[in-house]
Amino acid sequence: MKKVAVLVVIGVTLAGHRTVLAVQAGDKESASTWRELFKDIKRRGLDSGQVVLGIMDGLPGLEKVFSEELPNARVQGRRIRVARNILAERRS
């Protein structure tokens, strides 16, 4: 059985409602894969001017592509991964 990464984009409205915008198998490290995913979401009707914040896990290329494809939105990294890495280093 081969493992495949799944790219997931979840939108959250100002009222707090969550909606899955995209689920796609692909290389999570590839900027071009992320770019195509964001372009697809916009083709299907996402108003990029309405996106105000992107929260992501610091994957290579993702932040840059997000900023280019959704230029009005701010970017925030997830702090949980950093905290886990610090705790793991302290344990070793």
PDB file of N, CA and C in Angstrom:
ATOM      1  N   MET A   1       0.838  -1.170   0.000  1.00  0.00           N
ATOM      2  CA  MET A   1       0.000   0.000   0.000  1.00  0.00           C
ATOM      3  C   MET A   1       0.891   1.245   0.000  1.00  0.00           C
ATOM      4  N   LYS A   2       0.646   2.140  -0.939  1.00  0.00           N
ATOM      5  CA  LYS A   2       1.441   3.346  -1.064  1.00  0.00           C
ATOM      6  C   LYS A   2       0.768   4.494  -0.314  1.00  0.00           C
ATOM      7  N   LYS A   3       1.561   5.239   0.462  1.00  0.00           N
ATOM      8  CA  LYS A   3       1.035   6.402   1.163  1.00  0.00           C
ATOM      9  C   LYS A   3       1.075   7.602   0.232  1.00  0.00           C
ATOM     10  N   VAL A   4      -0.003   8.381   0.253  1.00  0.00           N
ATOM     11  CA  VAL A   4      -0.114   9.569  -0.592  1.00  0.00           C
ATOM     12  C   VAL A   4      -0.551  10.732   0.292  1.00  0.00           C
ATOM     13  N   ALA A   5       0.113  11.872   0.135  1.00  0.00           N
ATOM     14  CA  ALA A   5      -0.291  13.063   0.882  1.00  0.00           C
ATOM     15  C   ALA A   5      -1.612  13.586   0.335  1.00  0.00           C
ATOM     16  N   VAL A   6      -2.426  14.122   1.207  1.00  0.00           N
ATOM     17  CA  VAL A   6      -3.692  14.722   0.806  1.00  0.00           C
ATOM     18  C   VAL A   6      -3.648  16.193   1.216  1.00  0.00           C
ATOM     19  N   LEU A   7      -3.855  17.056   0.233  1.00  0.00           N
ATOM     20  CA  LEU A   7      -3.889  18.490   0.482  1.00  0.00           C
ATOM     21  C   LEU A   7      -5.331  18.864   0.801  1.00  0.00           C
ATOM     22  N   VAL A   8      -5.520  19.596   1.880  1.00  0.00           N
ATOM     23  CA  VAL A   8      -6.861  19.971   2.312  1.00  0.00           C
ATOM     24  C   VAL A   8      -6.896  21.473   2.568  1.00  0.00           C
ATOM     25  N   VAL A   9      -7.906  22.132   2.029  1.00  0.00           N
ATOM     26  CA  VAL A   9      -8.125  23.553   2.284  1.00  0.00           C
ATOM     27  C   VAL A   9      -9.505  23.684   2.909  1.00  0.00           C
ATOM     28  N   ILE A  10      -9.540  24.270   4.099  1.00  0.00           N
ATOM     29  CA  ILE A  10     -10.794  24.455   4.823  1.00  0.00           C
ATOM     30  C   ILE A  10     -11.029  25.952   4.985  1.00  0.00           C
ATOM     31  N   GLY A  11     -12.211  26.399   4.608  1.00  0.00           N
ATOM     32  CA  GLY A  11     -12.590  27.793   4.783  1.00  0.00           C
ATOM     33  C   GLY A  11     -13.438  27.943   6.025  1.00  0.00           C
ATOM     34  N   VAL A  12     -13.276  29.070   6.708  1.00  0.00           N
ATOM     35  CA  VAL A  12     -14.080  29.373   7.889  1.00  0.00           C
ATOM     36  C   VAL A  12     -14.695  30.749   7.668  1.00  0.00           C
ATOM     37  N   THR A  13     -16.008  30.823   7.764  1.00  0.00           N
ATOM     38  CA  THR A  13     -16.694  32.098   7.572  1.00  0.00           C
ATOM     39  C   THR A  13     -16.526  32.977   8.811  1.00  0.00           C
ATOM     40  N   LEU A  14     -16.873  34.243   8.689  1.00  0.00           N
ATOM     41  CA  LEU A  14     -16.808  35.152   9.833  1.00  0.00           C
ATOM     42  C   LEU A  14     -17.709  34.687  10.974  1.00  0.00           C
ATOM     43  N   ALA A  15     -18.761  33.937  10.629  1.00  0.00           N
ATOM     44  CA  ALA A  15     -19.669  33.394  11.644  1.00  0.00           C
ATOM     45  C   ALA A  15     -19.135  32.109  12.271  1.00  0.00           C
ATOM     46  N   GLY A  16     -17.990  31.621  11.767  1.00  0.00           N
ATOM     47  CA  GLY A  16     -17.379  30.432  12.344  1.00  0.00           C
ATOM     48  C   GLY A  16     -17.759  29.119  11.684  1.00  0.00           C
ATOM     49  N   HIS A  17     -18.494  29.161  10.588  1.00  0.00           N
ATOM     50  CA  HIS A  17     -18.886  27.932   9.887  1.00  0.00           C
ATOM     51  C   HIS A  17     -17.718  27.440   9.037  1.00  0.00           C
ATOM     52  N   ARG A  18     -17.424  26.162   9.135  1.00  0.00           N
ATOM     53  CA  ARG A  18     -16.325  25.566   8.366  1.00  0.00           C
ATOM     54  C   ARG A  18     -16.855  24.893   7.117  1.00  0.00           C
ATOM     55  N   THR A  19     -16.088  25.044   6.023  1.00  0.00           N
ATOM     56  CA  THR A  19     -16.434  24.422   4.752  1.00  0.00           C
ATOM     57  C   THR A  19     -15.163  23.870   4.124  1.00  0.00           C
ATOM     58  N   VAL A  20     -15.217  22.629   3.678  1.00  0.00           N
ATOM     59  CA  VAL A  20     -14.084  22.060   2.964  1.00  0.00           C
ATOM     60  C   VAL A  20     -14.104  22.629   1.551  1.00  0.00           C
ATOM     61  N   LEU A  21     -13.057  23.355   1.187  1.00  0.00           N
ATOM     62  CA  LEU A  21     -12.962  23.973  -0.135  1.00  0.00           C
ATOM     63  C   LEU A  21     -12.266  23.080  -1.140  1.00  0.00           C
ATOM     64  N   ALA A  22     -11.359  22.235  -0.655  1.00  0.00           N
ATOM     65  CA  ALA A  22     -10.631  21.350  -1.570  1.00  0.00           C
ATOM     66  C   ALA A  22     -10.018  20.187  -0.811  1.00  0.00           C
ATOM     67  N   VAL A  23     -10.029  19.029  -1.451  1.00  0.00           N
ATOM     68  CA  VAL A  23      -9.322  17.834  -0.990  1.00  0.00           C
ATOM     69  C   VAL A  23      -8.709  17.226  -2.239  1.00  0.00           C
ATOM     70  N   GLN A  24      -7.403  17.095  -2.234  1.00  0.00           N
ATOM     71  CA  GLN A  24      -6.724  16.626  -3.437  1.00  0.00           C
ATOM     72  C   GLN A  24      -5.442  15.890  -3.056  1.00  0.00           C
ATOM     73  N   ALA A  25      -5.210  14.770  -3.672  1.00  0.00           N
ATOM     74  CA  ALA A  25      -3.936  14.074  -3.487  1.00  0.00           C
ATOM     75  C   ALA A  25      -2.856  14.877  -4.192  1.00  0.00           C
ATOM     76  N   GLY A  26      -1.691  14.947  -3.576  1.00  0.00           N
ATOM     77  CA  GLY A  26      -0.606  15.688  -4.222  1.00  0.00           C
ATOM     78  C   GLY A  26       0.604  15.815  -3.334  1.00  0.00           C
ATOM     79  N   ASP A  27       1.643  16.356  -3.890  1.00  0.00           N
ATOM     80  CA  ASP A  27       2.902  16.557  -3.183  1.00  0.00           C
ATOM     81  C   ASP A  27       2.795  17.803  -2.315  1.00  0.00           C
ATOM     82  N   LYS A  28       2.743  17.610  -1.012  1.00  0.00           N
ATOM     83  CA  LYS A  28       2.559  18.742  -0.102  1.00  0.00           C
ATOM     84  C   LYS A  28       3.754  19.683  -0.088  1.00  0.00           C
ATOM     85  N   GLU A  29       4.895  19.232  -0.582  1.00  0.00           N
ATOM     86  CA  GLU A  29       6.098  20.060  -0.619  1.00  0.00           C
ATOM     87  C   GLU A  29       6.191  20.888  -1.899  1.00  0.00           C
ATOM     88  N   SER A  30       5.315  20.664  -2.841  1.00  0.00           N
ATOM     89  CA  SER A  30       5.407  21.283  -4.160  1.00  0.00           C
ATOM     90  C   SER A  30       4.610  22.589  -4.238  1.00  0.00           C
ATOM     91  N   ALA A  31       5.323  23.692  -4.495  1.00  0.00           N
ATOM     92  CA  ALA A  31       4.651  24.982  -4.653  1.00  0.00           C
ATOM     93  C   ALA A  31       3.701  24.950  -5.847  1.00  0.00           C
ATOM     94  N   SER A  32       4.096  24.288  -6.925  1.00  0.00           N
ATOM     95  CA  SER A  32       3.228  24.255  -8.110  1.00  0.00           C
ATOM     96  C   SER A  32       1.934  23.491  -7.834  1.00  0.00           C
ATOM     97  N   THR A  33       1.981  22.459  -7.004  1.00  0.00           N
ATOM     98  CA  THR A  33       0.766  21.725  -6.641  1.00  0.00           C
ATOM     99  C   THR A  33      -0.176  22.619  -5.842  1.00  0.00           C
ATOM    100  N   TRP A  34       0.367  23.351  -4.880  1.00  0.00           N
ATOM    101  CA  TRP A  34      -0.452  24.269  -4.090  1.00  0.00           C
ATOM    102  C   TRP A  34      -1.027  25.370  -4.971  1.00  0.00           C
ATOM    103  N   ARG A  35      -0.217  25.896  -5.901  1.00  0.00           N
ATOM    104  CA  ARG A  35      -0.682  26.958  -6.788  1.00  0.00           C
ATOM    105  C   ARG A  35      -1.887  26.482  -7.604  1.00  0.00           C
ATOM    106  N   GLU A  36      -1.788  25.282  -8.174  1.00  0.00           N
ATOM    107  CA  GLU A  36      -2.899  24.736  -8.959  1.00  0.00           C
ATOM    108  C   GLU A  36      -4.142  24.519  -8.095  1.00  0.00           C
ATOM    109  N   LEU A  37      -3.939  24.110  -6.858  1.00  0.00           N
ATOM    110  CA  LEU A  37      -5.065  23.909  -5.949  1.00  0.00           C
ATOM    111  C   LEU A  37      -5.782  25.234  -5.675  1.00  0.00           C
ATOM    112  N   PHE A  38      -5.021  26.283  -5.368  1.00  0.00           N
ATOM    113  CA  PHE A  38      -5.638  27.594  -5.117  1.00  0.00           C
ATOM    114  C   PHE A  38      -6.307  28.142  -6.378  1.00  0.00           C
ATOM    115  N   LYS A  39      -5.669  27.969  -7.527  1.00  0.00           N
ATOM    116  CA  LYS A  39      -6.272  28.430  -8.787  1.00  0.00           C
ATOM    117  C   LYS A  39      -7.592  27.696  -9.043  1.00  0.00           C
ATOM    118  N   ASP A  40      -7.630  26.403  -8.750  1.00  0.00           N
ATOM    119  CA  ASP A  40      -8.852  25.623  -8.933  1.00  0.00           C
ATOM    120  C   ASP A  40      -9.968  26.131  -8.021  1.00  0.00           C
ATOM    121  N   ILE A  41      -9.649  26.409  -6.781  1.00  0.00           N
ATOM    122  CA  ILE A  41     -10.659  26.914  -5.845  1.00  0.00           C
ATOM    123  C   ILE A  41     -11.211  28.250  -6.343  1.00  0.00           C
ATOM    124  N   LYS A  42     -10.334  29.101  -6.856  1.00  0.00           N
ATOM    125  CA  LYS A  42     -10.786  30.401  -7.381  1.00  0.00           C
ATOM    126  C   LYS A  42     -11.640  30.208  -8.645  1.00  0.00           C
ATOM    127  N   ARG A  43     -11.253  29.263  -9.513  1.00  0.00           N
ATOM    128  CA  ARG A  43     -12.061  28.983 -10.706  1.00  0.00           C
ATOM    129  C   ARG A  43     -13.459  28.519 -10.333  1.00  0.00           C
ATOM    130  N   ARG A  44     -13.556  27.807  -9.219  1.00  0.00           N
ATOM    131  CA  ARG A  44     -14.855  27.286  -8.778  1.00  0.00           C
ATOM    132  C   ARG A  44     -15.672  28.299  -7.990  1.00  0.00           C
ATOM    133  N   GLY A  45     -15.141  29.531  -7.840  1.00  0.00           N
ATOM    134  CA  GLY A  45     -15.964  30.584  -7.265  1.00  0.00           C
ATOM    135  C   GLY A  45     -15.456  31.268  -6.016  1.00  0.00           C
ATOM    136  N   LEU A  46     -14.310  30.871  -5.484  1.00  0.00           N
ATOM    137  CA  LEU A  46     -13.794  31.559  -4.301  1.00  0.00           C
ATOM    138  C   LEU A  46     -13.460  32.999  -4.666  1.00  0.00           C
ATOM    139  N   ASP A  47     -13.996  33.941  -3.927  1.00  0.00           N
ATOM    140  CA  ASP A  47     -13.682  35.355  -4.116  1.00  0.00           C
ATOM    141  C   ASP A  47     -12.437  35.644  -3.282  1.00  0.00           C
ATOM    142  N   SER A  48     -11.294  35.717  -3.930  1.00  0.00           N
ATOM    143  CA  SER A  48     -10.030  35.877  -3.209  1.00  0.00           C
ATOM    144  C   SER A  48      -9.987  37.173  -2.410  1.00  0.00           C
ATOM    145  N   GLY A  49     -10.786  38.158  -2.798  1.00  0.00           N
ATOM    146  CA  GLY A  49     -10.848  39.406  -2.049  1.00  0.00           C
ATOM    147  C   GLY A  49     -11.520  39.267  -0.698  1.00  0.00           C
ATOM    148  N   GLN A  50     -12.262  38.179  -0.508  1.00  0.00           N
ATOM    149  CA  GLN A  50     -12.956  37.940   0.758  1.00  0.00           C
ATOM    150  C   GLN A  50     -12.110  37.138   1.762  1.00  0.00           C
ATOM    151  N   VAL A  51     -10.992  36.605   1.302  1.00  0.00           N
ATOM    152  CA  VAL A  51     -10.128  35.813   2.183  1.00  0.00           C
ATOM    153  C   VAL A  51      -9.264  36.776   2.992  1.00  0.00           C
ATOM    154  N   VAL A  52      -9.345  36.690   4.319  1.00  0.00           N
ATOM    155  CA  VAL A  52      -8.615  37.631   5.170  1.00  0.00           C
ATOM    156  C   VAL A  52      -7.428  37.013   5.902  1.00  0.00           C
ATOM    157  N   LEU A  53      -7.417  35.687   6.059  1.00  0.00           N
ATOM    158  CA  LEU A  53      -6.352  35.053   6.835  1.00  0.00           C
ATOM    159  C   LEU A  53      -6.132  33.627   6.354  1.00  0.00           C
ATOM    160  N   GLY A  54      -4.892  33.246   6.245  1.00  0.00           N
ATOM    161  CA  GLY A  54      -4.525  31.867   5.947  1.00  0.00           C
ATOM    162  C   GLY A  54      -3.689  31.327   7.087  1.00  0.00           C
ATOM    163  N   ILE A  55      -4.089  30.205   7.639  1.00  0.00           N
ATOM    164  CA  ILE A  55      -3.333  29.570   8.720  1.00  0.00           C
ATOM    165  C   ILE A  55      -2.778  28.281   8.157  1.00  0.00           C
ATOM    166  N   MET A  56      -1.450  28.166   8.167  1.00  0.00           N
ATOM    167  CA  MET A  56      -0.822  27.013   7.531  1.00  0.00           C
ATOM    168  C   MET A  56       0.343  26.508   8.347  1.00  0.00           C
ATOM    169  N   ASP A  57       0.820  25.355   7.946  1.00  0.00           N
ATOM    170  CA  ASP A  57       1.797  24.610   8.716  1.00  0.00           C
ATOM    171  C   ASP A  57       3.240  24.799   8.260  1.00  0.00           C
ATOM    172  N   GLY A  58       3.533  25.824   7.519  1.00  0.00           N
ATOM    173  CA  GLY A  58       4.913  26.101   7.158  1.00  0.00           C
ATOM    174  C   GLY A  58       5.513  25.160   6.133  1.00  0.00           C
ATOM    175  N   LEU A  59       4.695  24.586   5.271  1.00  0.00           N
ATOM    176  CA  LEU A  59       5.224  23.728   4.217  1.00  0.00           C
ATOM    177  C   LEU A  59       5.973  24.570   3.201  1.00  0.00           C
ATOM    178  N   PRO A  60       7.069  24.064   2.673  1.00  0.00           N
ATOM    179  CA  PRO A  60       7.855  24.838   1.707  1.00  0.00           C
ATOM    180  C   PRO A  60       7.010  25.303   0.526  1.00  0.00           C
ATOM    181  N   GLY A  61       7.082  26.559   0.234  1.00  0.00           N
ATOM    182  CA  GLY A  61       6.367  27.111  -0.906  1.00  0.00           C
ATOM    183  C   GLY A  61       4.921  27.491  -0.652  1.00  0.00           C
ATOM    184  N   LEU A  62       4.294  26.914   0.353  1.00  0.00           N
ATOM    185  CA  LEU A  62       2.870  27.148   0.581  1.00  0.00           C
ATOM    186  C   LEU A  62       2.588  28.608   0.930  1.00  0.00           C
ATOM    187  N   GLU A  63       3.340  29.176   1.872  1.00  0.00           N
ATOM    188  CA  GLU A  63       3.094  30.560   2.289  1.00  0.00           C
ATOM    189  C   GLU A  63       3.271  31.527   1.116  1.00  0.00           C
ATOM    190  N   LYS A  64       4.314  31.322   0.327  1.00  0.00           N
ATOM    191  CA  LYS A  64       4.579  32.191  -0.825  1.00  0.00           C
ATOM    192  C   LYS A  64       3.437  32.096  -1.840  1.00  0.00           C
ATOM    193  N   VAL A  65       3.031  30.881  -2.170  1.00  0.00           N
ATOM    194  CA  VAL A  65       1.956  30.672  -3.144  1.00  0.00           C
ATOM    195  C   VAL A  65       0.647  31.260  -2.617  1.00  0.00           C
ATOM    196  N   PHE A  66       0.353  31.033  -1.341  1.00  0.00           N
ATOM    197  CA  PHE A  66      -0.867  31.572  -0.742  1.00  0.00           C
ATOM    198  C   PHE A  66      -0.883  33.091  -0.879  1.00  0.00           C
ATOM    199  N   SER A  67       0.237  33.726  -0.538  1.00  0.00           N
ATOM    200  CA  SER A  67       0.328  35.189  -0.606  1.00  0.00           C
ATOM    201  C   SER A  67       0.185  35.706  -2.034  1.00  0.00           C
ATOM    202  N   GLU A  68       0.702  34.972  -2.986  1.00  0.00           N
ATOM    203  CA  GLU A  68       0.594  35.380  -4.387  1.00  0.00           C
ATOM    204  C   GLU A  68      -0.825  35.179  -4.929  1.00  0.00           C
ATOM    205  N   GLU A  69      -1.452  34.079  -4.588  1.00  0.00           N
ATOM    206  CA  GLU A  69      -2.772  33.762  -5.106  1.00  0.00           C
ATOM    207  C   GLU A  69      -3.897  34.488  -4.352  1.00  0.00           C
ATOM    208  N   LEU A  70      -3.662  34.813  -3.091  1.00  0.00           N
ATOM    209  CA  LEU A  70      -4.661  35.498  -2.259  1.00  0.00           C
ATOM    210  C   LEU A  70      -3.987  36.705  -1.608  1.00  0.00           C
ATOM    211  N   PRO A  71      -3.645  37.714  -2.411  1.00  0.00           N
ATOM    212  CA  PRO A  71      -2.795  38.802  -1.948  1.00  0.00           C
ATOM    213  C   PRO A  71      -3.391  39.697  -0.858  1.00  0.00           C
ATOM    214  N   ASN A  72      -4.682  39.689  -0.656  1.00  0.00           N
ATOM    215  CA  ASN A  72      -5.301  40.539   0.369  1.00  0.00           C
ATOM    216  C   ASN A  72      -5.305  39.889   1.747  1.00  0.00           C
ATOM    217  N   ALA A  73      -4.925  38.635   1.823  1.00  0.00           N
ATOM    218  CA  ALA A  73      -4.999  37.889   3.087  1.00  0.00           C
ATOM    219  C   ALA A  73      -3.670  37.933   3.830  1.00  0.00           C
ATOM    220  N   ARG A  74      -3.774  37.896   5.133  1.00  0.00           N
ATOM    221  CA  ARG A  74      -2.589  37.770   5.990  1.00  0.00           C
ATOM    222  C   ARG A  74      -2.265  36.286   6.163  1.00  0.00           C
ATOM    223  N   VAL A  75      -1.043  36.004   6.543  1.00  0.00           N
ATOM    224  CA  VAL A  75      -0.612  34.626   6.766  1.00  0.00           C
ATOM    225  C   VAL A  75      -0.223  34.466   8.232  1.00  0.00           C
ATOM    226  N   GLN A  76      -0.654  33.350   8.800  1.00  0.00           N
ATOM    227  CA  GLN A  76      -0.275  33.016  10.171  1.00  0.00           C
ATOM    228  C   GLN A  76       0.137  31.558  10.197  1.00  0.00           C
ATOM    229  N   GLY A  77       1.300  31.289  10.746  1.00  0.00           N
ATOM    230  CA  GLY A  77       1.749  29.904  10.890  1.00  0.00           C
ATOM    231  C   GLY A  77       1.111  29.261  12.100  1.00  0.00           C
ATOM    232  N   ARG A  78       0.965  27.968  12.036  1.00  0.00           N
ATOM    233  CA  ARG A  78       0.430  27.242  13.192  1.00  0.00           C
ATOM    234  C   ARG A  78       1.516  27.104  14.229  1.00  0.00           C
ATOM    235  N   ARG A  79       1.227  27.469  15.426  1.00  0.00           N
ATOM    236  CA  ARG A  79       2.215  27.431  16.511  1.00  0.00           C
ATOM    237  C   ARG A  79       2.355  26.033  17.118  1.00  0.00           C
ATOM    238  N   ILE A  80       1.380  25.164  16.896  1.00  0.00           N
ATOM    239  CA  ILE A  80       1.400  23.843  17.532  1.00  0.00           C
ATOM    240  C   ILE A  80       2.597  23.014  17.100  1.00  0.00           C
ATOM    241  N   ARG A  81       2.956  23.082  15.812  1.00  0.00           N
ATOM    242  CA  ARG A  81       4.099  22.308  15.332  1.00  0.00           C
ATOM    243  C   ARG A  81       5.382  22.768  16.013  1.00  0.00           C
ATOM    244  N   VAL A  82       5.547  24.075  16.144  1.00  0.00           N
ATOM    245  CA  VAL A  82       6.736  24.613  16.806  1.00  0.00           C
ATOM    246  C   VAL A  82       6.790  24.125  18.244  1.00  0.00           C
ATOM    247  N   ALA A  83       5.663  24.191  18.929  1.00  0.00           N
ATOM    248  CA  ALA A  83       5.614  23.741  20.325  1.00  0.00           C
ATOM    249  C   ALA A  83       5.949  22.255  20.430  1.00  0.00           C
ATOM    250  N   ARG A  84       5.418  21.442  19.537  1.00  0.00           N
ATOM    251  CA  ARG A  84       5.713  19.998  19.565  1.00  0.00           C
ATOM    252  C   ARG A  84       7.198  19.739  19.328  1.00  0.00           C
ATOM    253  N   ASN A  85       7.791  20.465  18.382  1.00  0.00           N
ATOM    254  CA  ASN A  85       9.214  20.275  18.087  1.00  0.00           C
ATOM    255  C   ASN A  85      10.071  20.659  19.283  1.00  0.00           C
ATOM    256  N   ILE A  86       9.712  21.742  19.969  1.00  0.00           N
ATOM    257  CA  ILE A  86      10.471  22.162  21.153  1.00  0.00           C
ATOM    258  C   ILE A  86      10.360  21.110  22.246  1.00  0.00           C
ATOM    259  N   LEU A  87       9.141  20.594  22.475  1.00  0.00           N
ATOM    260  CA  LEU A  87       8.953  19.562  23.498  1.00  0.00           C
ATOM    261  C   LEU A  87       9.705  18.290  23.142  1.00  0.00           C
ATOM    262  N   ALA A  88       9.716  17.911  21.879  1.00  0.00           N
ATOM    263  CA  ALA A  88      10.421  16.697  21.449  1.00  0.00           C
ATOM    264  C   ALA A  88      11.919  16.852  21.671  1.00  0.00           C
ATOM    265  N   GLU A  89      12.461  18.029  21.412  1.00  0.00           N
ATOM    266  CA  GLU A  89      13.894  18.274  21.614  1.00  0.00           C
ATOM    267  C   GLU A  89      14.252  18.201  23.091  1.00  0.00           C
ATOM    268  N   ARG A  90      13.385  18.684  23.943  1.00  0.00           N
ATOM    269  CA  ARG A  90      13.643  18.656  25.391  1.00  0.00           C
ATOM    270  C   ARG A  90      13.636  17.225  25.926  1.00  0.00           C
ATOM    271  N   ARG A  91      12.830  16.374  25.320  1.00  0.00           N
ATOM    272  CA  ARG A  91      12.744  14.975  25.773  1.00  0.00           C
ATOM    273  C   ARG A  91      13.940  14.148  25.357  1.00  0.00           C
ATOM    274  N   SER A  92      14.626  14.560  24.294  1.00  0.00           N
ATOM    275  CA  SER A  92      15.744  13.736  23.797  1.00  0.00           C
ATOM    276  C   SER A  92      17.058  14.091  24.442  1.00  0.00           C
TER     277      SER A  92
END
